[in-house]
Each structure stands twice: as C-alpha cells, then as structure tokens.
Amino acid sequence: MREFSRYNESHMNKSVVTGILVKNEEGKLLLVKKSGGIGPYADTYLTPGGGVNDGEPIDEAAQRELFEETGVKVRNLKRAFFDDDVTPNWKGDEKHFIMLFYTGDYVSGDLKPTEGDDDNLEVIQWFSVDEIKNLKLSPPLEKFLRLTGYVG
C-alpha cells in the first residue's frame, strides 16, 4: 500500500489517460513501447493510448489516442479496468496518472502512427500471449493482463 503522504502533495498534477487492449482475429494483442527515456514507463510495453483532453468524452479519447499511436480502429469497445500510479512524466516530474483501460476488437489499421502521434513509439506490434510473458510490461498493464487472465 502506498503512503498517504504521497497523495497529499498539493503540487502534484493529475492526468487522466486511456489505453485499449486490442485483440485481433488470431488472438494476438497490440502493444506499444516508447523509446528510452520518453514519458512514463519508458522501455516497457503498454497498451496504446494517452491523455484525455478537457471536455473530451473518455471513450472518444481512447479511440482517438489508439488511432493516433497505431492507425488502428476497433469495435466492441468495452470499459474494463482502472488503475492509478504516481510516476515521472516525460519531463521527469512526478505525476499522478489515473488510467482507464478498455478492451476492443481489431477492425482495421496498418500499425503506424498517424499525424496526431507525439509519443515516439519504438515498437507497435501484435504479440501472442506466450510472447507477452517474456516482455517487460508497465506495472499497470501487467495488473490489467492478470485481471483479464492473459498472464498468470
């Protein structure tokens, strides 16, 4: 359990972010990896996603961020899990991230960032469940995959 004092810091900013765990027809999952030193959870695998703009509906933000980072569109979008964590942002400042995770089924897309992407992704790739077990996952993604039964 985290210490309460970490959450009682008035100078800490919050950021609401989304991520979609996308599954394709072959049962593979779409994960991304940021370049070293970029953003929270650098050098770990994540769900594609990102920040929710002020006034933007969260479901739309999730789909927008997925498309910006990967060029992928989904159907059967479902709210699945939420988490939070205090970790350094891309500037190295500690930030309280509130993460809203979804699941969705792949419809289309070529696995390449679109114009809106600004995350400098090193990897955008489909992985089998067996392959995922050997990847360095972000702590929130690892929790989500345990909850959904993809990893033990």
Foldseek 3Di string as FASTA:
>chain_A
DDDVVVVVDPPAAEFEKEFEFEAEPVRWTKWFAFDALAFPPHQFIDGQITTDDVPHDPVVRHQVRNCQAFVWGFPPKDFDDWDWDFAATSVGDTHIYIYTYIYTYTDDGDGHGDPVDDRRIPDTDTGHLVRVVPGHHDVVVVVVCVVVVSDD
